[in-house]
Amino acid sequence: MNTAVDNPVQAGRRERELLASVQGGQSELFYELVRPYERRVYAAALAILRNEHDAEDVAQSVFLRLAGSDEFVVSNAGSYLYRAAINGALDLLRRRNSAASEPLDSASGVASQGRGSRPEAEAASSELVEWLRAALGELSPRAAEMFTLRYVEELDNREVATLMHTSQAVVAVTLHQARAKLKKRLAEMERGNR
């Protein structure tokens, strides 16, 4: 039985020791530090990007940034890596949204393979997801991160506040404003598409 894993205090102490060692140049301990977070970091990026390759790229860049960093101090590797994955995925979406997007007409040859599915409903749903991603990319990074944590990762306001080191009231207000901006932007996009 591994007491470092069984005892949260010892596990936290071990994580801090590993983090200090890695940031001190002992790169051979890096994998031991990040191994517990690999799936969560990848899953956070995948939930936003919906593309396995992009999620892998974001996760890798997050881990590389931590490994190569001696300029800043991370007190909680798990929290840092999770938030960095969300921010990295949102940054990738923003970069893509600023590039020219392919018109929906070019996808007209793609048909649904599912039995009993309705292609027009799937196309509308896909279009809505793309509009939402574009609108998310226009939010401030902090608001986009909160929105993602709350509605994509399905954390409650208390968990979002804890993870982002703020109050539940700030989370609630930020989410209210983000939803209002997204609703307005999606309405504008819908009017522009008709």
N, C-alpha and C. Protein backbone atom coordinates (compact mmCIF):
# COMPACT_ATOMS: atom_id res chain seq x y z
N MET A 1 0.85 -1.19 0.00
CA MET A 1 0.00 0.00 0.00
C MET A 1 0.89 1.24 0.00
N ASN A 2 0.64 2.15 -0.90
CA ASN A 2 1.42 3.37 -1.03
C ASN A 2 0.80 4.45 -0.15
N THR A 3 1.45 4.78 0.95
CA THR A 3 0.88 5.75 1.88
C THR A 3 0.85 7.15 1.31
N ALA A 4 1.75 7.45 0.37
CA ALA A 4 1.73 8.79 -0.23
C ALA A 4 0.44 9.02 -1.00
N VAL A 5 -0.09 7.96 -1.60
CA VAL A 5 -1.34 8.08 -2.34
C VAL A 5 -2.53 8.01 -1.39
N ASP A 6 -2.42 7.18 -0.35
CA ASP A 6 -3.52 6.98 0.58
C ASP A 6 -3.74 8.19 1.48
N ASN A 7 -2.72 8.94 1.78
CA ASN A 7 -2.80 10.08 2.67
C ASN A 7 -2.70 11.37 1.85
N PRO A 8 -3.77 12.15 1.77
CA PRO A 8 -3.77 13.36 0.95
C PRO A 8 -2.68 14.36 1.36
N VAL A 9 -2.39 14.45 2.65
CA VAL A 9 -1.36 15.39 3.10
C VAL A 9 0.00 14.95 2.58
N GLN A 10 0.29 13.65 2.69
CA GLN A 10 1.56 13.15 2.18
C GLN A 10 1.62 13.25 0.66
N ALA A 11 0.49 13.00 -0.02
CA ALA A 11 0.45 13.11 -1.47
C ALA A 11 0.73 14.54 -1.90
N GLY A 12 0.13 15.51 -1.21
CA GLY A 12 0.39 16.92 -1.53
C GLY A 12 1.83 17.30 -1.28
N ARG A 13 2.39 16.80 -0.20
CA ARG A 13 3.80 17.08 0.12
C ARG A 13 4.69 16.47 -0.95
N ARG A 14 4.39 15.23 -1.37
CA ARG A 14 5.19 14.56 -2.41
C ARG A 14 5.09 15.33 -3.73
N GLU A 15 3.90 15.81 -4.06
CA GLU A 15 3.73 16.59 -5.29
C GLU A 15 4.58 17.86 -5.25
N ARG A 16 4.56 18.55 -4.12
CA ARG A 16 5.36 19.77 -3.99
C ARG A 16 6.84 19.46 -4.10
N GLU A 17 7.28 18.34 -3.52
CA GLU A 17 8.69 17.94 -3.62
C GLU A 17 9.06 17.64 -5.07
N LEU A 18 8.19 16.89 -5.76
CA LEU A 18 8.44 16.58 -7.17
C LEU A 18 8.49 17.84 -8.01
N LEU A 19 7.55 18.73 -7.77
CA LEU A 19 7.49 19.99 -8.52
C LEU A 19 8.76 20.80 -8.31
N ALA A 20 9.19 20.91 -7.07
CA ALA A 20 10.42 21.64 -6.78
C ALA A 20 11.62 20.97 -7.45
N SER A 21 11.66 19.65 -7.43
CA SER A 21 12.77 18.93 -8.05
C SER A 21 12.79 19.13 -9.56
N VAL A 22 11.62 19.04 -10.19
CA VAL A 22 11.52 19.22 -11.63
C VAL A 22 11.92 20.64 -12.01
N GLN A 23 11.38 21.62 -11.27
CA GLN A 23 11.73 23.00 -11.57
C GLN A 23 13.17 23.31 -11.21
N GLY A 24 13.76 22.48 -10.36
CA GLY A 24 15.17 22.62 -10.01
C GLY A 24 16.10 21.92 -10.98
N GLY A 25 15.55 21.30 -12.02
CA GLY A 25 16.39 20.70 -13.05
C GLY A 25 16.42 19.19 -13.05
N GLN A 26 15.72 18.53 -12.16
CA GLN A 26 15.72 17.06 -12.12
C GLN A 26 14.60 16.54 -13.04
N SER A 27 14.84 16.61 -14.33
CA SER A 27 13.81 16.28 -15.31
C SER A 27 13.41 14.81 -15.30
N GLU A 28 14.23 13.93 -14.74
CA GLU A 28 13.87 12.52 -14.70
C GLU A 28 12.65 12.26 -13.82
N LEU A 29 12.29 13.20 -12.96
CA LEU A 29 11.12 13.05 -12.10
C LEU A 29 9.85 13.64 -12.72
N PHE A 30 9.99 14.24 -13.89
CA PHE A 30 8.87 14.93 -14.52
C PHE A 30 7.67 14.01 -14.74
N TYR A 31 7.90 12.82 -15.29
CA TYR A 31 6.78 11.93 -15.59
C TYR A 31 6.05 11.51 -14.33
N GLU A 32 6.79 11.29 -13.26
CA GLU A 32 6.16 10.93 -11.99
C GLU A 32 5.25 12.06 -11.51
N LEU A 33 5.63 13.29 -11.78
CA LEU A 33 4.83 14.45 -11.37
C LEU A 33 3.54 14.55 -12.17
N VAL A 34 3.62 14.39 -13.50
CA VAL A 34 2.45 14.64 -14.34
C VAL A 34 1.58 13.42 -14.62
N ARG A 35 2.09 12.23 -14.37
CA ARG A 35 1.35 11.01 -14.67
C ARG A 35 -0.07 11.02 -14.11
N PRO A 36 -0.30 11.44 -12.86
CA PRO A 36 -1.67 11.42 -12.35
C PRO A 36 -2.62 12.38 -13.08
N TYR A 37 -2.08 13.31 -13.85
CA TYR A 37 -2.92 14.34 -14.47
C TYR A 37 -3.07 14.18 -15.97
N GLU A 38 -2.41 13.20 -16.57
CA GLU A 38 -2.44 13.04 -18.02
C GLU A 38 -3.86 12.96 -18.58
N ARG A 39 -4.65 12.08 -18.03
CA ARG A 39 -6.01 11.88 -18.56
C ARG A 39 -6.89 13.11 -18.35
N ARG A 40 -6.78 13.74 -17.19
CA ARG A 40 -7.62 14.89 -16.90
C ARG A 40 -7.26 16.07 -17.81
N VAL A 41 -5.97 16.28 -18.05
CA VAL A 41 -5.53 17.37 -18.92
C VAL A 41 -6.02 17.11 -20.35
N TYR A 42 -5.83 15.89 -20.82
CA TYR A 42 -6.28 15.53 -22.16
C TYR A 42 -7.80 15.67 -22.27
N ALA A 43 -8.52 15.18 -21.28
CA ALA A 43 -9.99 15.23 -21.30
C ALA A 43 -10.50 16.68 -21.30
N ALA A 44 -9.83 17.55 -20.56
CA ALA A 44 -10.24 18.96 -20.52
C ALA A 44 -10.08 19.59 -21.90
N ALA A 45 -8.95 19.33 -22.54
CA ALA A 45 -8.72 19.88 -23.89
C ALA A 45 -9.68 19.26 -24.90
N LEU A 46 -9.92 17.96 -24.79
CA LEU A 46 -10.81 17.27 -25.72
C LEU A 46 -12.25 17.76 -25.59
N ALA A 47 -12.68 18.05 -24.39
CA ALA A 47 -14.04 18.53 -24.17
C ALA A 47 -14.29 19.85 -24.89
N ILE A 48 -13.26 20.66 -25.01
CA ILE A 48 -13.40 21.95 -25.67
C ILE A 48 -13.20 21.82 -27.18
N LEU A 49 -12.17 21.09 -27.57
CA LEU A 49 -11.77 21.05 -28.98
C LEU A 49 -12.52 20.00 -29.80
N ARG A 50 -12.97 18.92 -29.15
CA ARG A 50 -13.66 17.82 -29.83
C ARG A 50 -12.81 17.22 -30.96
N ASN A 51 -11.50 17.22 -30.76
CA ASN A 51 -10.58 16.66 -31.74
C ASN A 51 -9.43 16.04 -30.98
N GLU A 52 -9.24 14.73 -31.13
CA GLU A 52 -8.23 14.02 -30.35
C GLU A 52 -6.82 14.53 -30.60
N HIS A 53 -6.49 14.78 -31.86
CA HIS A 53 -5.14 15.23 -32.19
C HIS A 53 -4.84 16.61 -31.60
N ASP A 54 -5.82 17.50 -31.71
CA ASP A 54 -5.64 18.84 -31.14
C ASP A 54 -5.52 18.76 -29.62
N ALA A 55 -6.34 17.90 -29.00
CA ALA A 55 -6.29 17.75 -27.54
C ALA A 55 -4.92 17.20 -27.11
N GLU A 56 -4.40 16.25 -27.87
CA GLU A 56 -3.06 15.72 -27.57
C GLU A 56 -2.00 16.81 -27.69
N ASP A 57 -2.11 17.63 -28.73
CA ASP A 57 -1.15 18.72 -28.92
C ASP A 57 -1.20 19.71 -27.76
N VAL A 58 -2.41 20.07 -27.35
CA VAL A 58 -2.55 21.01 -26.23
C VAL A 58 -1.98 20.40 -24.96
N ALA A 59 -2.31 19.14 -24.69
CA ALA A 59 -1.79 18.48 -23.48
C ALA A 59 -0.27 18.44 -23.50
N GLN A 60 0.29 18.10 -24.63
CA GLN A 60 1.75 18.04 -24.74
C GLN A 60 2.37 19.40 -24.50
N SER A 61 1.79 20.44 -25.08
CA SER A 61 2.37 21.78 -24.90
C SER A 61 2.25 22.23 -23.44
N VAL A 62 1.17 21.83 -22.77
CA VAL A 62 1.01 22.17 -21.35
C VAL A 62 2.11 21.50 -20.53
N PHE A 63 2.33 20.21 -20.78
CA PHE A 63 3.35 19.49 -20.03
C PHE A 63 4.75 20.01 -20.34
N LEU A 64 5.00 20.33 -21.60
CA LEU A 64 6.31 20.88 -21.97
C LEU A 64 6.56 22.24 -21.33
N ARG A 65 5.51 23.05 -21.27
CA ARG A 65 5.64 24.36 -20.64
C ARG A 65 6.01 24.22 -19.16
N LEU A 66 5.37 23.27 -18.50
CA LEU A 66 5.69 23.03 -17.09
C LEU A 66 7.11 22.50 -16.94
N ALA A 67 7.50 21.58 -17.81
CA ALA A 67 8.84 20.98 -17.72
C ALA A 67 9.93 22.01 -17.96
N GLY A 68 9.69 22.91 -18.90
CA GLY A 68 10.72 23.87 -19.25
C GLY A 68 10.68 25.16 -18.45
N SER A 69 9.79 25.23 -17.51
CA SER A 69 9.60 26.47 -16.79
C SER A 69 10.42 26.54 -15.51
N ASP A 70 11.24 27.54 -15.45
CA ASP A 70 11.90 27.84 -14.18
C ASP A 70 11.67 29.31 -13.86
N GLU A 71 10.82 29.95 -14.66
CA GLU A 71 10.54 31.37 -14.47
C GLU A 71 9.39 31.62 -13.50
N PHE A 72 8.54 30.65 -13.29
CA PHE A 72 7.42 30.85 -12.38
C PHE A 72 7.31 29.65 -11.45
N VAL A 73 6.65 29.88 -10.36
CA VAL A 73 6.49 28.82 -9.36
C VAL A 73 5.04 28.37 -9.37
N VAL A 74 4.85 27.07 -9.46
CA VAL A 74 3.53 26.47 -9.44
C VAL A 74 3.34 25.82 -8.09
N SER A 75 2.30 26.22 -7.37
CA SER A 75 2.11 25.65 -6.04
C SER A 75 1.28 24.37 -6.08
N ASN A 76 0.44 24.21 -7.10
CA ASN A 76 -0.41 23.04 -7.21
C ASN A 76 -0.38 22.57 -8.66
N ALA A 77 0.37 21.53 -8.93
CA ALA A 77 0.55 21.06 -10.31
C ALA A 77 -0.77 20.67 -10.95
N GLY A 78 -1.63 19.97 -10.22
CA GLY A 78 -2.90 19.53 -10.79
C GLY A 78 -3.77 20.69 -11.24
N SER A 79 -3.92 21.68 -10.39
CA SER A 79 -4.72 22.85 -10.72
C SER A 79 -4.11 23.61 -11.89
N TYR A 80 -2.81 23.79 -11.84
CA TYR A 80 -2.11 24.50 -12.92
C TYR A 80 -2.30 23.78 -14.26
N LEU A 81 -2.08 22.48 -14.28
CA LEU A 81 -2.16 21.72 -15.53
C LEU A 81 -3.57 21.73 -16.09
N TYR A 82 -4.57 21.59 -15.24
CA TYR A 82 -5.97 21.58 -15.68
C TYR A 82 -6.35 22.93 -16.29
N ARG A 83 -6.02 23.99 -15.58
CA ARG A 83 -6.35 25.33 -16.10
C ARG A 83 -5.55 25.64 -17.35
N ALA A 84 -4.30 25.20 -17.40
CA ALA A 84 -3.48 25.44 -18.59
C ALA A 84 -4.05 24.70 -19.79
N ALA A 85 -4.58 23.50 -19.58
CA ALA A 85 -5.19 22.75 -20.68
C ALA A 85 -6.42 23.48 -21.22
N ILE A 86 -7.24 23.98 -20.33
CA ILE A 86 -8.43 24.73 -20.77
C ILE A 86 -8.02 25.99 -21.51
N ASN A 87 -7.07 26.72 -20.95
CA ASN A 87 -6.61 27.95 -21.61
C ASN A 87 -5.96 27.65 -22.96
N GLY A 88 -5.17 26.58 -23.02
CA GLY A 88 -4.54 26.21 -24.28
C GLY A 88 -5.56 25.85 -25.34
N ALA A 89 -6.59 25.12 -24.95
CA ALA A 89 -7.65 24.75 -25.89
C ALA A 89 -8.42 25.98 -26.35
N LEU A 90 -8.74 26.88 -25.43
CA LEU A 90 -9.44 28.11 -25.80
C LEU A 90 -8.58 28.99 -26.70
N ASP A 91 -7.29 29.05 -26.43
CA ASP A 91 -6.37 29.81 -27.30
C ASP A 91 -6.36 29.24 -28.71
N LEU A 92 -6.34 27.92 -28.82
CA LEU A 92 -6.36 27.29 -30.13
C LEU A 92 -7.66 27.63 -30.86
N LEU A 93 -8.78 27.60 -30.14
CA LEU A 93 -10.05 27.98 -30.76
C LEU A 93 -10.02 29.43 -31.23
N ARG A 94 -9.46 30.31 -30.42
CA ARG A 94 -9.38 31.73 -30.81
C ARG A 94 -8.55 31.91 -32.07
N ARG A 95 -7.41 31.21 -32.13
CA ARG A 95 -6.56 31.32 -33.32
C ARG A 95 -7.31 30.83 -34.55
N ARG A 96 -8.04 29.75 -34.39
CA ARG A 96 -8.80 29.22 -35.52
C ARG A 96 -9.95 30.13 -35.91
N ASN A 97 -10.59 30.73 -34.92
CA ASN A 97 -11.72 31.61 -35.21
C ASN A 97 -11.27 32.86 -35.94
N SER A 98 -10.05 33.28 -35.71
CA SER A 98 -9.56 34.48 -36.39
C SER A 98 -9.18 34.18 -37.84
N ALA A 99 -8.94 32.92 -38.15
CA ALA A 99 -8.65 32.52 -39.53
C ALA A 99 -9.96 32.40 -40.29
N ALA A 100 -9.86 32.42 -41.58
CA ALA A 100 -11.08 32.28 -42.40
C ALA A 100 -11.68 30.90 -42.18
N SER A 101 -12.99 30.86 -42.02
CA SER A 101 -13.65 29.58 -41.81
C SER A 101 -14.23 29.07 -43.13
N GLU A 102 -14.33 27.78 -43.22
CA GLU A 102 -14.86 27.15 -44.42
C GLU A 102 -16.38 27.29 -44.43
N PRO A 103 -16.97 27.67 -45.57
CA PRO A 103 -18.43 27.82 -45.62
C PRO A 103 -19.12 26.48 -45.40
N LEU A 104 -20.30 26.55 -44.82
CA LEU A 104 -21.08 25.36 -44.53
C LEU A 104 -21.48 24.63 -45.81
N ASP A 105 -21.60 25.36 -46.92
CA ASP A 105 -21.97 24.73 -48.19
C ASP A 105 -20.99 23.66 -48.62
N SER A 106 -19.71 23.82 -48.25
CA SER A 106 -18.71 22.84 -48.68
C SER A 106 -18.89 21.51 -47.97
N ALA A 107 -19.69 21.47 -46.92
CA ALA A 107 -19.92 20.22 -46.19
C ALA A 107 -21.23 19.57 -46.62
N SER A 108 -21.83 20.04 -47.68
CA SER A 108 -23.14 19.51 -48.06
C SER A 108 -23.09 18.05 -48.49
N GLY A 109 -21.95 17.55 -48.90
CA GLY A 109 -21.84 16.16 -49.33
C GLY A 109 -21.71 15.19 -48.17
N VAL A 110 -21.55 15.68 -46.98
CA VAL A 110 -21.39 14.81 -45.82
C VAL A 110 -22.77 14.38 -45.33
N ALA A 111 -23.00 13.09 -45.29
CA ALA A 111 -24.30 12.57 -44.85
C ALA A 111 -24.13 11.82 -43.55
N SER A 112 -25.20 11.78 -42.80
CA SER A 112 -25.19 11.06 -41.53
C SER A 112 -25.19 9.56 -41.78
N GLN A 113 -24.41 8.83 -41.00
CA GLN A 113 -24.35 7.39 -41.12
C GLN A 113 -25.26 6.69 -40.13
N GLY A 114 -25.75 7.43 -39.12
CA GLY A 114 -26.55 6.81 -38.07
C GLY A 114 -27.93 6.43 -38.55
N ARG A 115 -28.40 5.26 -38.09
CA ARG A 115 -29.72 4.79 -38.48
C ARG A 115 -30.80 5.66 -37.85
N GLY A 116 -31.70 6.13 -38.66
CA GLY A 116 -32.82 6.92 -38.16
C GLY A 116 -32.44 8.36 -37.84
N SER A 117 -31.23 8.76 -38.15
CA SER A 117 -30.83 10.12 -37.81
C SER A 117 -31.39 11.10 -38.84
N ARG A 118 -31.46 12.34 -38.41
CA ARG A 118 -31.97 13.38 -39.30
C ARG A 118 -30.82 14.29 -39.67
N PRO A 119 -30.36 14.24 -40.91
CA PRO A 119 -29.21 15.04 -41.32
C PRO A 119 -29.41 16.54 -41.09
N GLU A 120 -30.62 17.05 -41.31
CA GLU A 120 -30.84 18.49 -41.13
C GLU A 120 -30.70 18.89 -39.66
N ALA A 121 -31.13 18.03 -38.76
CA ALA A 121 -30.98 18.32 -37.33
C ALA A 121 -29.51 18.26 -36.92
N GLU A 122 -28.78 17.27 -37.44
CA GLU A 122 -27.35 17.16 -37.14
C GLU A 122 -26.59 18.37 -37.68
N ALA A 123 -26.95 18.82 -38.88
CA ALA A 123 -26.28 19.98 -39.47
C ALA A 123 -26.54 21.23 -38.63
N ALA A 124 -27.78 21.41 -38.18
CA ALA A 124 -28.11 22.57 -37.35
C ALA A 124 -27.37 22.50 -36.03
N SER A 125 -27.29 21.31 -35.45
CA SER A 125 -26.58 21.14 -34.18
C SER A 125 -25.09 21.42 -34.38
N SER A 126 -24.52 20.91 -35.44
CA SER A 126 -23.11 21.14 -35.74
C SER A 126 -22.83 22.62 -35.96
N GLU A 127 -23.73 23.27 -36.66
CA GLU A 127 -23.60 24.70 -36.92
C GLU A 127 -23.66 25.49 -35.60
N LEU A 128 -24.56 25.11 -34.72
CA LEU A 128 -24.68 25.77 -33.42
C LEU A 128 -23.40 25.61 -32.61
N VAL A 129 -22.83 24.41 -32.63
CA VAL A 129 -21.57 24.16 -31.91
C VAL A 129 -20.47 25.06 -32.46
N GLU A 130 -20.39 25.18 -33.76
CA GLU A 130 -19.37 26.05 -34.36
C GLU A 130 -19.60 27.52 -34.00
N TRP A 131 -20.85 27.95 -34.00
CA TRP A 131 -21.16 29.32 -33.60
C TRP A 131 -20.76 29.55 -32.14
N LEU A 132 -21.08 28.57 -31.30
CA LEU A 132 -20.74 28.69 -29.88
C LEU A 132 -19.23 28.76 -29.69
N ARG A 133 -18.50 27.93 -30.39
CA ARG A 133 -17.03 27.97 -30.29
C ARG A 133 -16.49 29.32 -30.73
N ALA A 134 -17.03 29.84 -31.81
CA ALA A 134 -16.57 31.15 -32.29
C ALA A 134 -16.89 32.23 -31.27
N ALA A 135 -18.09 32.20 -30.72
CA ALA A 135 -18.49 33.20 -29.72
C ALA A 135 -17.66 33.06 -28.44
N LEU A 136 -17.36 31.83 -28.03
CA LEU A 136 -16.51 31.62 -26.85
C LEU A 136 -15.14 32.25 -27.05
N GLY A 137 -14.63 32.16 -28.25
CA GLY A 137 -13.33 32.74 -28.56
C GLY A 137 -13.30 34.25 -28.45
N GLU A 138 -14.49 34.87 -28.45
CA GLU A 138 -14.57 36.33 -28.35
C GLU A 138 -14.69 36.82 -26.91
N LEU A 139 -14.93 35.89 -25.97
CA LEU A 139 -15.00 36.28 -24.56
C LEU A 139 -13.60 36.55 -24.02
N SER A 140 -13.54 37.24 -22.90
CA SER A 140 -12.24 37.41 -22.24
C SER A 140 -11.74 36.03 -21.83
N PRO A 141 -10.42 35.85 -21.75
CA PRO A 141 -9.90 34.53 -21.36
C PRO A 141 -10.48 34.03 -20.03
N ARG A 142 -10.61 34.89 -19.06
CA ARG A 142 -11.13 34.48 -17.74
C ARG A 142 -12.60 34.06 -17.84
N ALA A 143 -13.40 34.83 -18.58
CA ALA A 143 -14.81 34.49 -18.74
C ALA A 143 -14.96 33.19 -19.53
N ALA A 144 -14.17 33.02 -20.57
CA ALA A 144 -14.23 31.79 -21.37
C ALA A 144 -13.82 30.59 -20.53
N GLU A 145 -12.82 30.76 -19.69
CA GLU A 145 -12.39 29.67 -18.83
C GLU A 145 -13.48 29.30 -17.82
N MET A 146 -14.09 30.31 -17.21
CA MET A 146 -15.17 30.04 -16.26
C MET A 146 -16.34 29.35 -16.96
N PHE A 147 -16.72 29.83 -18.13
CA PHE A 147 -17.82 29.25 -18.88
C PHE A 147 -17.52 27.79 -19.20
N THR A 148 -16.30 27.52 -19.63
CA THR A 148 -15.90 26.16 -19.98
C THR A 148 -15.92 25.25 -18.77
N LEU A 149 -15.37 25.73 -17.66
CA LEU A 149 -15.37 24.92 -16.45
C LEU A 149 -16.79 24.62 -15.99
N ARG A 150 -17.67 25.60 -16.10
CA ARG A 150 -19.04 25.43 -15.60
C ARG A 150 -19.89 24.58 -16.54
N TYR A 151 -19.86 24.87 -17.83
CA TYR A 151 -20.81 24.25 -18.75
C TYR A 151 -20.23 23.12 -19.60
N VAL A 152 -18.94 23.07 -19.79
CA VAL A 152 -18.34 21.96 -20.53
C VAL A 152 -17.85 20.90 -19.55
N GLU A 153 -17.09 21.34 -18.55
CA GLU A 153 -16.58 20.41 -17.55
C GLU A 153 -17.62 20.10 -16.47
N GLU A 154 -18.70 20.84 -16.45
CA GLU A 154 -19.84 20.64 -15.54
C GLU A 154 -19.47 20.73 -14.07
N LEU A 155 -18.56 21.65 -13.74
CA LEU A 155 -18.26 21.93 -12.35
C LEU A 155 -19.31 22.90 -11.83
N ASP A 156 -19.59 22.86 -10.53
CA ASP A 156 -20.52 23.84 -10.00
C ASP A 156 -19.78 25.14 -9.70
N ASN A 157 -20.52 26.20 -9.39
CA ASN A 157 -19.91 27.51 -9.18
C ASN A 157 -18.87 27.50 -8.06
N ARG A 158 -19.13 26.73 -7.02
CA ARG A 158 -18.18 26.65 -5.91
C ARG A 158 -16.86 26.04 -6.37
N GLU A 159 -16.94 24.97 -7.16
CA GLU A 159 -15.73 24.32 -7.67
C GLU A 159 -14.97 25.25 -8.62
N VAL A 160 -15.70 25.97 -9.46
CA VAL A 160 -15.05 26.92 -10.37
C VAL A 160 -14.36 28.01 -9.56
N ALA A 161 -15.04 28.52 -8.55
CA ALA A 161 -14.44 29.57 -7.71
C ALA A 161 -13.18 29.08 -7.03
N THR A 162 -13.21 27.87 -6.51
CA THR A 162 -12.03 27.31 -5.85
C THR A 162 -10.89 27.15 -6.83
N LEU A 163 -11.18 26.60 -7.99
CA LEU A 163 -10.14 26.36 -9.00
C LEU A 163 -9.53 27.66 -9.52
N MET A 164 -10.36 28.71 -9.60
CA MET A 164 -9.88 29.98 -10.16
C MET A 164 -9.51 31.00 -9.08
N HIS A 165 -9.53 30.56 -7.83
CA HIS A 165 -9.11 31.42 -6.72
C HIS A 165 -9.90 32.72 -6.66
N THR A 166 -11.22 32.57 -6.68
CA THR A 166 -12.10 33.73 -6.61
C THR A 166 -13.35 33.33 -5.82
N SER A 167 -14.29 34.23 -5.71
CA SER A 167 -15.51 33.94 -4.95
C SER A 167 -16.59 33.39 -5.86
N GLN A 168 -17.57 32.74 -5.24
CA GLN A 168 -18.71 32.23 -6.01
C GLN A 168 -19.51 33.37 -6.62
N ALA A 169 -19.55 34.51 -5.94
CA ALA A 169 -20.28 35.67 -6.46
C ALA A 169 -19.65 36.16 -7.76
N VAL A 170 -18.32 36.21 -7.78
CA VAL A 170 -17.62 36.64 -9.00
C VAL A 170 -17.90 35.66 -10.13
N VAL A 171 -17.88 34.38 -9.81
CA VAL A 171 -18.17 33.36 -10.83
C VAL A 171 -19.59 33.54 -11.35
N ALA A 172 -20.56 33.72 -10.46
CA ALA A 172 -21.95 33.87 -10.88
C ALA A 172 -22.14 35.09 -11.78
N VAL A 173 -21.55 36.21 -11.41
CA VAL A 173 -21.68 37.43 -12.20
C VAL A 173 -20.99 37.26 -13.56
N THR A 174 -19.79 36.71 -13.54
CA THR A 174 -19.04 36.51 -14.79
C THR A 174 -19.80 35.58 -15.72
N LEU A 175 -20.35 34.51 -15.18
CA LEU A 175 -21.12 33.57 -16.01
C LEU A 175 -22.39 34.21 -16.55
N HIS A 176 -23.05 35.02 -15.73
CA HIS A 176 -24.26 35.72 -16.21
C HIS A 176 -23.90 36.63 -17.38
N GLN A 177 -22.82 37.40 -17.24
CA GLN A 177 -22.40 38.31 -18.31
C GLN A 177 -21.96 37.53 -19.54
N ALA A 178 -21.25 36.42 -19.33
CA ALA A 178 -20.80 35.61 -20.47
C ALA A 178 -21.98 35.02 -21.22
N ARG A 179 -22.97 34.51 -20.48
CA ARG A 179 -24.16 33.96 -21.15
C ARG A 179 -24.89 35.04 -21.94
N ALA A 180 -24.98 36.24 -21.39
CA ALA A 180 -25.66 37.33 -22.10
C ALA A 180 -24.89 37.68 -23.38
N LYS A 181 -23.57 37.76 -23.29
CA LYS A 181 -22.76 38.06 -24.48
C LYS A 181 -22.88 36.96 -25.52
N LEU A 182 -22.83 35.71 -25.07
CA LEU A 182 -22.94 34.59 -26.00
C LEU A 182 -24.32 34.56 -26.67
N LYS A 183 -25.36 34.81 -25.89
CA LYS A 183 -26.71 34.83 -26.45
C LYS A 183 -26.83 35.91 -27.52
N LYS A 184 -26.30 37.10 -27.21
CA LYS A 184 -26.36 38.20 -28.17
C LYS A 184 -25.55 37.87 -29.42
N ARG A 185 -24.35 37.32 -29.22
CA ARG A 185 -23.48 37.00 -30.36
C ARG A 185 -24.08 35.90 -31.22
N LEU A 186 -24.65 34.89 -30.59
CA LEU A 186 -25.27 33.81 -31.36
C LEU A 186 -26.47 34.32 -32.15
N ALA A 187 -27.24 35.25 -31.57
CA ALA A 187 -28.36 35.84 -32.30
C ALA A 187 -27.86 36.62 -33.51
N GLU A 188 -26.75 37.36 -33.33
CA GLU A 188 -26.16 38.10 -34.45
C GLU A 188 -25.67 37.15 -35.53
N MET A 189 -25.04 36.08 -35.13
CA MET A 189 -24.54 35.11 -36.10
C MET A 189 -25.68 34.45 -36.86
N GLU A 190 -26.76 34.15 -36.14
CA GLU A 190 -27.90 33.51 -36.77
C GLU A 190 -28.55 34.44 -37.80
N ARG A 191 -28.69 35.72 -37.43
CA ARG A 191 -29.27 36.70 -38.37
C ARG A 191 -28.37 36.86 -39.59
N GLY A 192 -27.06 36.84 -39.40
CA GLY A 192 -26.12 37.00 -40.49
C GLY A 192 -26.07 35.79 -41.42
N ASN A 193 -26.47 34.64 -40.91
CA ASN A 193 -26.40 33.41 -41.69
C ASN A 193 -27.65 33.22 -42.56
N ARG A 194 -28.70 33.94 -42.26
CA ARG A 194 -29.95 33.77 -43.01
C ARG A 194 -30.00 34.68 -44.19
